[in-house]
């Protein structure tokens, strides 16, 4: 048994582990594949009667590892551009149903994302400068209304009334 072959295989495993932890462009994977191939070739020796079989198996293993690591790296890069899907950040944009009336000064309950959340209505910028006597400011959101989450903080969600996008048909009459 060649200790150099064993050492090269251990170095290959180390490179693969480093590639999983460190942000890079696949260089440790390539180095690990080269070390693995050289280690197995050194360990098996080319003079053995079954060297062609082991060489084919080694190349197949190297190709499978290369495809796996390149595929996972591609998925990681693709996931960087996606919005958060879990945790508090994943709540933004979700649509829920009011279970307890929401008012300007009173929080209520909203069922969203499979849970009941304490919610407060968001104040639209154009409503922030209106007086209390004007219509629309401080209006309540009734039970059963659909709302969209626009913010999360202090254990509460901030919601706006949800109005689905208009369909392709025009509502104008001739």
C-alpha atoms as a PDB file:
ATOM      1  CA  UNK A   1       0.000   0.000   0.000  1.00  0.00           C
ATOM      2  CA  UNK A   2       1.318   3.419  -0.944  1.00  0.00           C
ATOM      3  CA  UNK A   3       1.101   6.056   1.769  1.00  0.00           C
ATOM      4  CA  UNK A   4       1.314   8.759  -0.886  1.00  0.00           C
ATOM      5  CA  UNK A   5      -1.953   7.467  -2.410  1.00  0.00           C
ATOM      6  CA  UNK A   6      -3.673   7.476   0.976  1.00  0.00           C
ATOM      7  CA  UNK A   7      -2.394  10.993   1.673  1.00  0.00           C
ATOM      8  CA  UNK A   8      -3.671  12.240  -1.699  1.00  0.00           C
ATOM      9  CA  UNK A   9      -7.117  10.759  -1.053  1.00  0.00           C
ATOM     10  CA  UNK A  10      -7.231  12.429   2.384  1.00  0.00           C
ATOM     11  CA  UNK A  11      -6.192  15.734   0.783  1.00  0.00           C
ATOM     12  CA  UNK A  12      -9.011  15.268  -1.756  1.00  0.00           C
ATOM     13  CA  UNK A  13     -11.532  14.798   1.074  1.00  0.00           C
ATOM     14  CA  UNK A  14     -10.152  17.900   2.772  1.00  0.00           C
ATOM     15  CA  UNK A  15     -10.577  19.906  -0.447  1.00  0.00           C
ATOM     16  CA  UNK A  16     -14.184  18.698  -0.774  1.00  0.00           C
ATOM     17  CA  UNK A  17     -14.924  19.733   2.823  1.00  0.00           C
ATOM     18  CA  UNK A  18     -13.337  23.144   2.266  1.00  0.00           C
ATOM     19  CA  UNK A  19     -15.448  23.642  -0.860  1.00  0.00           C
ATOM     20  CA  UNK A  20     -18.619  23.091   1.163  1.00  0.00           C
ATOM     21  CA  UNK A  21     -17.650  25.718   3.742  1.00  0.00           C
ATOM     22  CA  UNK A  22     -15.813  28.446   1.816  1.00  0.00           C
ATOM     23  CA  UNK A  23     -17.390  30.748  -0.752  1.00  0.00           C
ATOM     24  CA  UNK A  24     -15.460  30.193  -3.956  1.00  0.00           C
ATOM     25  CA  UNK A  25     -15.789  29.300  -7.609  1.00  0.00           C
ATOM     26  CA  UNK A  26     -15.159  25.560  -7.386  1.00  0.00           C
ATOM     27  CA  UNK A  27     -11.368  25.607  -7.229  1.00  0.00           C
ATOM     28  CA  UNK A  28     -11.188  23.337  -4.162  1.00  0.00           C
ATOM     29  CA  UNK A  29     -13.496  20.883  -5.918  1.00  0.00           C
ATOM     30  CA  UNK A  30     -11.236  20.778  -8.958  1.00  0.00           C
ATOM     31  CA  UNK A  31      -8.177  20.364  -6.727  1.00  0.00           C
ATOM     32  CA  UNK A  32      -9.972  17.608  -4.802  1.00  0.00           C
ATOM     33  CA  UNK A  33     -10.834  15.758  -7.996  1.00  0.00           C
ATOM     34  CA  UNK A  34      -7.229  15.935  -9.210  1.00  0.00           C
ATOM     35  CA  UNK A  35      -5.932  14.750  -5.822  1.00  0.00           C
ATOM     36  CA  UNK A  36      -8.513  11.942  -5.749  1.00  0.00           C
ATOM     37  CA  UNK A  37      -7.606  10.692  -9.228  1.00  0.00           C
ATOM     38  CA  UNK A  38      -3.870  10.845  -8.504  1.00  0.00           C
ATOM     39  CA  UNK A  39      -4.352   9.180  -5.110  1.00  0.00           C
ATOM     40  CA  UNK A  40      -6.368   6.287  -6.486  1.00  0.00           C
ATOM     41  CA  UNK A  41      -3.977   5.818  -9.404  1.00  0.00           C
ATOM     42  CA  UNK A  42      -1.007   5.834  -7.015  1.00  0.00           C
ATOM     43  CA  UNK A  43      -2.764   3.452  -4.658  1.00  0.00           C
ATOM     44  CA  UNK A  44      -3.919   0.942  -7.273  1.00  0.00           C
ATOM     45  CA  UNK A  45      -0.955   1.027  -9.620  1.00  0.00           C
ATOM     46  CA  UNK A  46      -1.283   0.734 -13.354  1.00  0.00           C
ATOM     47  CA  UNK A  47       0.405  -2.680 -13.574  1.00  0.00           C
ATOM     48  CA  UNK A  48      -2.476  -4.608 -11.984  1.00  0.00           C
ATOM     49  CA  UNK A  49      -4.609  -6.802 -14.269  1.00  0.00           C
ATOM     50  CA  UNK A  50      -7.807  -4.892 -13.364  1.00  0.00           C
ATOM     51  CA  UNK A  51      -6.389  -1.416 -13.830  1.00  0.00           C
ATOM     52  CA  UNK A  52      -8.737  -0.568 -16.728  1.00  0.00           C
ATOM     53  CA  UNK A  53     -11.814  -1.404 -14.622  1.00  0.00           C
ATOM     54  CA  UNK A  54     -10.587   0.668 -11.706  1.00  0.00           C
ATOM     55  CA  UNK A  55      -9.660   3.525 -14.037  1.00  0.00           C
ATOM     56  CA  UNK A  56     -13.169   3.557 -15.548  1.00  0.00           C
ATOM     57  CA  UNK A  57     -14.742   3.453 -12.073  1.00  0.00           C
ATOM     58  CA  UNK A  58     -12.453   6.267 -10.942  1.00  0.00           C
ATOM     59  CA  UNK A  59     -13.323   8.472 -13.915  1.00  0.00           C
ATOM     60  CA  UNK A  60     -17.049   7.800 -13.362  1.00  0.00           C
ATOM     61  CA  UNK A  61     -16.724   8.750  -9.686  1.00  0.00           C
ATOM     62  CA  UNK A  62     -14.836  11.929 -10.570  1.00  0.00           C
ATOM     63  CA  UNK A  63     -17.476  12.936 -13.136  1.00  0.00           C
ATOM     64  CA  UNK A  64     -20.330  12.311 -10.672  1.00  0.00           C
ATOM     65  CA  UNK A  65     -18.572  14.377  -7.981  1.00  0.00           C
ATOM     66  CA  UNK A  66     -17.844  17.173 -10.446  1.00  0.00           C
ATOM     67  CA  UNK A  67     -21.469  17.321 -11.628  1.00  0.00           C
ATOM     68  CA  UNK A  68     -22.731  17.268  -8.033  1.00  0.00           C
ATOM     69  CA  UNK A  69     -20.499  20.074  -6.827  1.00  0.00           C
ATOM     70  CA  UNK A  70     -20.992  22.222  -9.933  1.00  0.00           C
ATOM     71  CA  UNK A  71     -24.768  21.721  -9.712  1.00  0.00           C
ATOM     72  CA  UNK A  72     -24.874  22.659  -6.041  1.00  0.00           C
ATOM     73  CA  UNK A  73     -22.739  25.728  -6.681  1.00  0.00           C
ATOM     74  CA  UNK A  74     -25.103  26.783  -9.478  1.00  0.00           C
ATOM     75  CA  UNK A  75     -28.094  26.369  -7.164  1.00  0.00           C
ATOM     76  CA  UNK A  76     -26.386  28.434  -4.483  1.00  0.00           C
ATOM     77  CA  UNK A  77     -25.737  31.276  -6.924  1.00  0.00           C
ATOM     78  CA  UNK A  78     -29.340  31.108  -8.168  1.00  0.00           C
ATOM     79  CA  UNK A  79     -30.678  31.230  -4.601  1.00  0.00           C
ATOM     80  CA  UNK A  80     -28.804  34.463  -3.880  1.00  0.00           C
ATOM     81  CA  UNK A  81     -31.170  36.469  -6.095  1.00  0.00           C
ATOM     82  CA  UNK A  82     -34.397  34.976  -4.735  1.00  0.00           C
ATOM     83  CA  UNK A  83     -36.411  36.741  -2.039  1.00  0.00           C
ATOM     84  CA  UNK A  84     -36.449  35.198   1.424  1.00  0.00           C
ATOM     85  CA  UNK A  85     -38.964  32.385   1.729  1.00  0.00           C
ATOM     86  CA  UNK A  86     -38.659  31.593   5.430  1.00  0.00           C
ATOM     87  CA  UNK A  87     -38.598  33.496   8.672  1.00  0.00           C
ATOM     88  CA  UNK A  88     -39.899  36.984   9.227  1.00  0.00           C
ATOM     89  CA  UNK A  89     -38.613  38.237   5.864  1.00  0.00           C
ATOM     90  CA  UNK A  90     -40.706  35.592   4.098  1.00  0.00           C
ATOM     91  CA  UNK A  91     -43.890  37.170   5.460  1.00  0.00           C
ATOM     92  CA  UNK A  92     -43.558  40.335   3.374  1.00  0.00           C
ATOM     93  CA  UNK A  93     -46.011  40.197   0.489  1.00  0.00           C
ATOM     94  CA  UNK A  94     -48.159  37.390   1.954  1.00  0.00           C
ATOM     95  CA  UNK A  95     -51.930  37.815   1.841  1.00  0.00           C
ATOM     96  CA  UNK A  96     -54.083  37.041   4.861  1.00  0.00           C
ATOM     97  CA  UNK A  97     -57.620  37.370   6.224  1.00  0.00           C
ATOM     98  CA  UNK A  98     -58.649  39.699   9.053  1.00  0.00           C
ATOM     99  CA  UNK A  99     -60.020  37.764  12.048  1.00  0.00           C
ATOM    100  CA  UNK A 100     -60.470  40.771  14.382  1.00  0.00           C
ATOM    101  CA  UNK A 101     -61.190  44.310  13.165  1.00  0.00           C
ATOM    102  CA  UNK A 102     -58.147  46.524  12.621  1.00  0.00           C
ATOM    103  CA  UNK A 103     -58.339  50.236  13.340  1.00  0.00           C
ATOM    104  CA  UNK A 104     -55.985  53.211  13.356  1.00  0.00           C
ATOM    105  CA  UNK A 105     -55.392  52.966  17.071  1.00  0.00           C
ATOM    106  CA  UNK A 106     -56.331  49.370  17.741  1.00  0.00           C
ATOM    107  CA  UNK A 107     -54.419  46.329  16.555  1.00  0.00           C
ATOM    108  CA  UNK A 108     -56.365  43.254  15.537  1.00  0.00           C
ATOM    109  CA  UNK A 109     -55.709  39.673  14.502  1.00  0.00           C
ATOM    110  CA  UNK A 110     -54.895  38.472  10.988  1.00  0.00           C
ATOM    111  CA  UNK A 111     -54.614  34.885   9.790  1.00  0.00           C
ATOM    112  CA  UNK A 112     -51.657  34.773   7.419  1.00  0.00           C
ATOM    113  CA  UNK A 113     -49.145  32.113   6.429  1.00  0.00           C
ATOM    114  CA  UNK A 114     -50.968  29.507   8.508  1.00  0.00           C
ATOM    115  CA  UNK A 115     -50.786  31.487  11.768  1.00  0.00           C
ATOM    116  CA  UNK A 116     -52.661  34.167  13.686  1.00  0.00           C
ATOM    117  CA  UNK A 117     -50.650  37.394  13.904  1.00  0.00           C
ATOM    118  CA  UNK A 118     -51.244  40.595  15.812  1.00  0.00           C
ATOM    119  CA  UNK A 119     -51.576  43.238  13.113  1.00  0.00           C
ATOM    120  CA  UNK A 120     -51.739  46.984  12.727  1.00  0.00           C
ATOM    121  CA  UNK A 121     -52.841  48.795   9.588  1.00  0.00           C
ATOM    122  CA  UNK A 122     -50.198  50.713   7.668  1.00  0.00           C
ATOM    123  CA  UNK A 123     -50.688  54.410   7.152  1.00  0.00           C
ATOM    124  CA  UNK A 124     -50.397  55.327   3.495  1.00  0.00           C
ATOM    125  CA  UNK A 125     -48.196  58.380   2.830  1.00  0.00           C
ATOM    126  CA  UNK A 126     -51.091  60.363   1.363  1.00  0.00           C
ATOM    127  CA  UNK A 127     -53.157  59.639   4.488  1.00  0.00           C
ATOM    128  CA  UNK A 128     -50.450  60.724   6.901  1.00  0.00           C
ATOM    129  CA  UNK A 129     -51.135  64.416   6.234  1.00  0.00           C
ATOM    130  CA  UNK A 130     -54.921  64.240   6.306  1.00  0.00           C
ATOM    131  CA  UNK A 131     -56.874  65.270   9.344  1.00  0.00           C
ATOM    132  CA  UNK A 132     -58.939  62.831  11.392  1.00  0.00           C
ATOM    133  CA  UNK A 133     -62.126  64.457  10.129  1.00  0.00           C
ATOM    134  CA  UNK A 134     -61.450  63.584   6.498  1.00  0.00           C
ATOM    135  CA  UNK A 135     -62.983  60.434   5.093  1.00  0.00           C
ATOM    136  CA  UNK A 136     -60.623  57.474   4.705  1.00  0.00           C
ATOM    137  CA  UNK A 137     -58.131  58.291   7.429  1.00  0.00           C
ATOM    138  CA  UNK A 138     -58.342  55.941  10.350  1.00  0.00           C
ATOM    139  CA  UNK A 139     -60.798  53.727   8.534  1.00  0.00           C
ATOM    140  CA  UNK A 140     -61.205  50.259   9.976  1.00  0.00           C
ATOM    141  CA  UNK A 141     -60.473  47.033   8.135  1.00  0.00           C
ATOM    142  CA  UNK A 142     -63.397  44.694   8.754  1.00  0.00           C
ATOM    143  CA  UNK A 143     -63.369  41.016   9.670  1.00  0.00           C
ATOM    144  CA  UNK A 144     -63.080  38.802   6.582  1.00  0.00           C
ATOM    145  CA  UNK A 145     -61.225  41.416   4.526  1.00  0.00           C
ATOM    146  CA  UNK A 146     -58.081  40.367   2.721  1.00  0.00           C
ATOM    147  CA  UNK A 147     -54.899  42.206   3.645  1.00  0.00           C
ATOM    148  CA  UNK A 148     -51.288  42.108   2.447  1.00  0.00           C
ATOM    149  CA  UNK A 149     -48.308  42.134   4.796  1.00  0.00           C
ATOM    150  CA  UNK A 150     -46.006  45.108   4.119  1.00  0.00           C
ATOM    151  CA  UNK A 151     -43.856  45.005   7.249  1.00  0.00           C
ATOM    152  CA  UNK A 152     -42.969  43.040  10.346  1.00  0.00           C
ATOM    153  CA  UNK A 153     -41.736  44.367  13.665  1.00  0.00           C
ATOM    154  CA  UNK A 154     -42.112  44.033  17.428  1.00  0.00           C
ATOM    155  CA  UNK A 155     -44.048  40.781  17.072  1.00  0.00           C
ATOM    156  CA  UNK A 156     -46.679  42.451  14.906  1.00  0.00           C
ATOM    157  CA  UNK A 157     -47.286  42.626  11.200  1.00  0.00           C
ATOM    158  CA  UNK A 158     -48.134  45.789   9.314  1.00  0.00           C
ATOM    159  CA  UNK A 159     -50.851  45.312   6.700  1.00  0.00           C
ATOM    160  CA  UNK A 160     -52.643  47.134   3.900  1.00  0.00           C
ATOM    161  CA  UNK A 161     -56.017  46.218   2.397  1.00  0.00           C
ATOM    162  CA  UNK A 162     -55.392  43.809  -0.474  1.00  0.00           C
ATOM    163  CA  UNK A 163     -56.852  44.619  -3.846  1.00  0.00           C
ATOM    164  CA  UNK A 164     -56.125  41.947  -6.443  1.00  0.00           C
ATOM    165  CA  UNK A 165     -54.810  43.169  -9.775  1.00  0.00           C
ATOM    166  CA  UNK A 166     -57.513  44.038 -12.268  1.00  0.00           C
ATOM    167  CA  UNK A 167     -58.183  41.470 -14.958  1.00  0.00           C
ATOM    168  CA  UNK A 168     -57.407  42.096 -18.604  1.00  0.00           C
ATOM    169  CA  UNK A 169     -60.963  43.290 -19.271  1.00  0.00           C
ATOM    170  CA  UNK A 170     -61.700  46.983 -19.230  1.00  0.00           C
ATOM    171  CA  UNK A 171     -64.582  48.221 -17.119  1.00  0.00           C
ATOM    172  CA  UNK A 172     -65.206  51.245 -19.372  1.00  0.00           C
ATOM    173  CA  UNK A 173     -68.590  51.457 -21.012  1.00  0.00           C
ATOM    174  CA  UNK A 174     -69.156  52.949 -24.453  1.00  0.00           C
END
